[in-house]
Structure formats: structure tokens, C-alpha cells
Amino acid sequence: MYLLINGLYLLAGFIWGDWRNWRTYYPTILFYILGDLLYNFLLYNKPMWLFHDAIIPDHTLITILAMTVSYSATVLIYLGRFPEEWYKRFLWFLLWFVIYMTIEFVNSKLGFITYHNGWNIWWSAMFTALIFFILPIHQKKPLFAWALSIVIIITLLTIFDVKTSNWI
């Protein structure tokens, strides 16, 4: 399933991504990837979700595939075609939110993603909304996006009672 999904992201990225200006988006792609790396590091012993697949049986490999393909394509398309008008921005945000949540919903129903330690599809919806809210902020004001991200990370670690002893 994840090979198919990432193959579709790769195709979409080649068709609609702003490859001409990839250097402009590169810091935000790295920001997005680093956020997922932090999740996988900080919550290695207490994951909120895990990916499962018959072809790629390892959560870590699936995550690395998503980081390199899906996240890059997402940023190149999402920010590369980010509208100027506020109502169009909202519709663009909503489209990407629906794309991501539809994929997650289908994957959860088919057993390709499982939730753990109090996480569920509703937390994923909120988190997905935060991702698509913060990506354009990072593009324009990276330090502000980092500050927001740190607050969000600390808040989620507190809500889900993740102790530093879980990191060992």
C-alpha cells in the first residue's frame, strides 16, 4: 500500500510540483522531515501510531519512504501553488487536509496504520491541520514556525504523558 501511495505522490510531485524553485522549498522540506524524525525518536518506546504493510514490513522503512517522497512532493505542490487570496488559501489548505485524512482513514480501516497510547484519528486530524497550517509559516518565518512547533511538541508530550525515561 505504501509503495502505491508514495508512487502516486511521486507522480503528483513531478506533474504539479514547483521543481524550478525547489531550493526555495528545501528548508521547509527538511523542517517537515525533521518533525517526523523527532516524533520517531522521542516516541520510539511509546508510539502514537505505527505503519504496517505486507511489502514493506517495517514502520521505520515506511516512515523513511514517506519522508523522502511524500513530504517532498507535498511541500513542492502545496507551497509551490500556494494561493495569494485568503479564501483560496483556506480552500487549498482544506483540499490537502482532506487528501491526507482520506489516505489515513482508508489506511486505518485496512489495518495499514494502527493507533496507540491514546492517539486516534481525531488527534491525527488535528495534527494534520497543524502541519498544513505551519508549513507556509515556516516558508516565510522559519524561526516563528520553530517556536510554534516547540510549543506544540511540548504540549503533545504533556497531554500524552511522555516521560524522558521513555526515550532511553
Protein backbone atom coordinates (compact mmCIF):
# COMPACT_ATOMS: atom_id res chain seq x y z
CA MET A 1 0.00 0.00 0.00
CA TYR A 2 2.74 2.48 0.96
CA LEU A 3 4.64 1.87 -2.28
CA LEU A 4 1.45 2.73 -4.17
CA ILE A 5 0.78 5.85 -2.09
CA ASN A 6 4.34 7.11 -2.42
CA GLY A 7 4.33 6.29 -6.12
CA LEU A 8 1.24 8.48 -6.51
CA TYR A 9 2.88 11.28 -4.50
CA LEU A 10 5.99 10.99 -6.68
CA LEU A 11 3.89 11.21 -9.85
CA ALA A 12 1.90 14.16 -8.47
CA GLY A 13 5.13 15.85 -7.42
CA PHE A 14 6.57 15.55 -10.91
CA ILE A 15 3.38 16.81 -12.52
CA TRP A 16 2.37 19.64 -10.17
CA GLY A 17 5.44 20.32 -8.00
CA ASP A 18 7.36 23.58 -8.38
CA TRP A 19 10.65 21.94 -9.30
CA ARG A 20 12.01 25.12 -10.84
CA ASN A 21 12.16 26.65 -7.37
CA TRP A 22 12.96 23.55 -5.31
CA ARG A 23 15.79 25.36 -3.49
CA THR A 24 13.23 27.81 -2.11
CA TYR A 25 11.25 24.95 -0.54
CA TYR A 26 14.19 22.82 0.54
CA PRO A 27 14.41 24.25 4.10
CA THR A 28 10.69 23.60 4.62
CA ILE A 29 11.03 20.04 3.28
CA LEU A 30 13.81 19.49 5.82
CA PHE A 31 11.67 21.08 8.55
CA TYR A 32 8.84 18.65 7.74
CA ILE A 33 11.20 15.65 7.68
CA LEU A 34 12.89 16.70 10.92
CA GLY A 35 9.49 16.90 12.62
CA ASP A 36 8.83 13.26 11.71
CA LEU A 37 12.33 12.25 12.76
CA LEU A 38 11.72 13.90 16.13
CA TYR A 39 8.43 12.02 16.52
CA ASN A 40 10.12 8.71 15.75
CA PHE A 41 13.00 9.45 18.14
CA LEU A 42 11.05 10.94 21.06
CA LEU A 43 8.28 8.35 20.89
CA TYR A 44 10.27 5.30 19.85
CA ASN A 45 9.26 3.42 23.01
CA LYS A 46 5.76 4.92 23.18
CA PRO A 47 4.49 5.33 19.60
CA MET A 48 1.20 7.06 18.93
CA TRP A 49 0.79 5.32 15.58
CA LEU A 50 2.53 2.56 13.67
CA PHE A 51 2.57 1.78 9.95
CA HIS A 52 2.09 -1.78 8.69
CA ASP A 53 2.48 -3.16 5.19
CA ALA A 54 2.92 -6.57 3.56
CA ILE A 55 5.61 -5.39 1.12
CA ILE A 56 7.50 -3.05 3.47
CA PRO A 57 7.02 -4.73 6.86
CA ASP A 58 8.98 -2.19 8.91
CA HIS A 59 7.48 1.04 10.33
CA THR A 60 10.85 2.79 10.11
CA LEU A 61 11.33 1.99 6.42
CA ILE A 62 7.78 3.13 5.63
CA THR A 63 8.45 6.37 7.51
CA ILE A 64 11.72 6.99 5.65
CA LEU A 65 9.93 6.40 2.34
CA ALA A 66 7.23 8.90 3.33
CA MET A 67 9.83 11.44 4.46
CA THR A 68 11.77 11.32 1.22
CA VAL A 69 8.92 11.01 -1.28
CA SER A 70 5.57 12.10 0.17
CA TYR A 71 6.81 15.03 2.23
CA SER A 72 8.99 16.40 -0.56
CA ALA A 73 6.18 16.13 -3.11
CA THR A 74 3.68 17.62 -0.66
CA VAL A 75 5.80 20.70 0.03
CA LEU A 76 6.67 21.22 -3.64
CA ILE A 77 2.99 21.13 -4.60
CA TYR A 78 1.38 22.67 -1.51
CA LEU A 79 3.73 25.64 -1.21
CA GLY A 80 4.60 25.78 -4.90
CA ARG A 81 0.97 26.51 -5.74
CA PHE A 82 0.02 28.31 -2.52
CA PRO A 83 -2.60 30.96 -3.41
CA GLU A 84 -2.37 34.64 -2.53
CA GLU A 85 -6.03 35.23 -1.63
CA TRP A 86 -7.06 34.18 1.89
CA TYR A 87 -10.22 32.30 0.88
CA LYS A 88 -8.26 30.37 -1.78
CA ARG A 89 -5.59 29.61 0.82
CA PHE A 90 -8.28 28.17 3.06
CA LEU A 91 -9.67 26.03 0.22
CA TRP A 92 -6.13 24.88 -0.67
CA PHE A 93 -5.49 24.02 2.99
CA LEU A 94 -8.81 22.17 3.13
CA LEU A 95 -8.02 20.19 -0.03
CA TRP A 96 -4.70 18.99 1.37
CA PHE A 97 -6.23 18.25 4.76
CA VAL A 98 -8.89 16.10 3.07
CA ILE A 99 -6.28 14.32 0.91
CA TYR A 100 -4.13 13.41 3.89
CA MET A 101 -7.05 12.45 6.12
CA THR A 102 -8.71 10.34 3.43
CA ILE A 103 -5.49 8.40 2.94
CA GLU A 104 -5.12 7.95 6.69
CA PHE A 105 -8.75 6.93 7.16
CA VAL A 106 -8.55 4.29 4.41
CA ASN A 107 -5.22 3.03 5.77
CA SER A 108 -6.65 2.78 9.29
CA LYS A 109 -9.69 0.84 8.07
CA LEU A 110 -7.47 -1.54 6.08
CA GLY A 111 -5.07 -2.03 9.03
CA PHE A 112 -2.10 -0.28 7.43
CA ILE A 113 -1.94 2.16 10.34
CA THR A 114 -2.75 1.46 13.97
CA TYR A 115 -3.15 3.92 16.83
CA HIS A 116 -1.65 3.50 20.28
CA ASN A 117 -1.26 5.18 23.67
CA GLY A 118 -4.38 7.34 23.41
CA TRP A 119 -3.86 8.57 19.84
CA ASN A 120 -6.75 8.24 17.38
CA ILE A 121 -7.98 9.54 14.02
CA TRP A 122 -9.23 12.76 15.67
CA TRP A 123 -5.78 13.55 17.07
CA SER A 124 -4.40 12.83 13.60
CA ALA A 125 -6.90 15.25 12.08
CA MET A 126 -5.82 17.99 14.48
CA PHE A 127 -2.15 17.22 13.88
CA THR A 128 -2.61 17.19 10.10
CA ALA A 129 -4.33 20.58 10.28
CA LEU A 130 -1.37 21.90 12.29
CA ILE A 131 1.08 20.58 9.70
CA PHE A 132 -0.65 22.34 6.82
CA PHE A 133 -1.04 25.48 8.91
CA ILE A 134 2.62 25.62 9.90
CA LEU A 135 4.28 24.74 6.55
CA PRO A 136 3.54 28.13 4.92
CA ILE A 137 4.56 29.86 8.15
CA HIS A 138 7.90 28.08 8.02
CA GLN A 139 8.33 29.15 4.40
CA LYS A 140 8.01 32.85 5.36
CA LYS A 141 9.08 32.95 9.02
CA PRO A 142 11.10 29.84 9.91
CA LEU A 143 12.06 30.89 13.44
CA PHE A 144 8.43 31.60 14.31
CA ALA A 145 7.45 28.18 12.89
CA TRP A 146 10.14 26.53 15.03
CA ALA A 147 8.87 28.34 18.13
CA LEU A 148 5.30 27.22 17.38
CA SER A 149 6.50 23.68 16.77
CA ILE A 150 8.33 23.53 20.09
CA VAL A 151 5.18 24.67 21.91
CA ILE A 152 3.12 22.06 20.04
CA ILE A 153 5.65 19.29 20.77
CA ILE A 154 5.81 20.12 24.48
CA THR A 155 2.01 20.32 24.64
CA LEU A 156 1.55 16.93 22.98
CA LEU A 157 4.26 15.29 25.10
CA THR A 158 2.47 16.61 28.18
CA ILE A 159 -1.02 15.56 27.03
CA PHE A 160 0.16 12.04 26.21
CA ASP A 161 2.31 11.81 29.34
CA VAL A 162 5.53 11.03 27.51
CA LYS A 163 8.37 10.98 30.01
CA THR A 164 12.02 11.42 29.17
CA SER A 165 12.54 7.90 30.58
CA ASN A 166 10.60 6.68 27.51
CA TRP A 167 13.46 7.95 25.34
CA ILE A 168 16.01 5.53 26.75
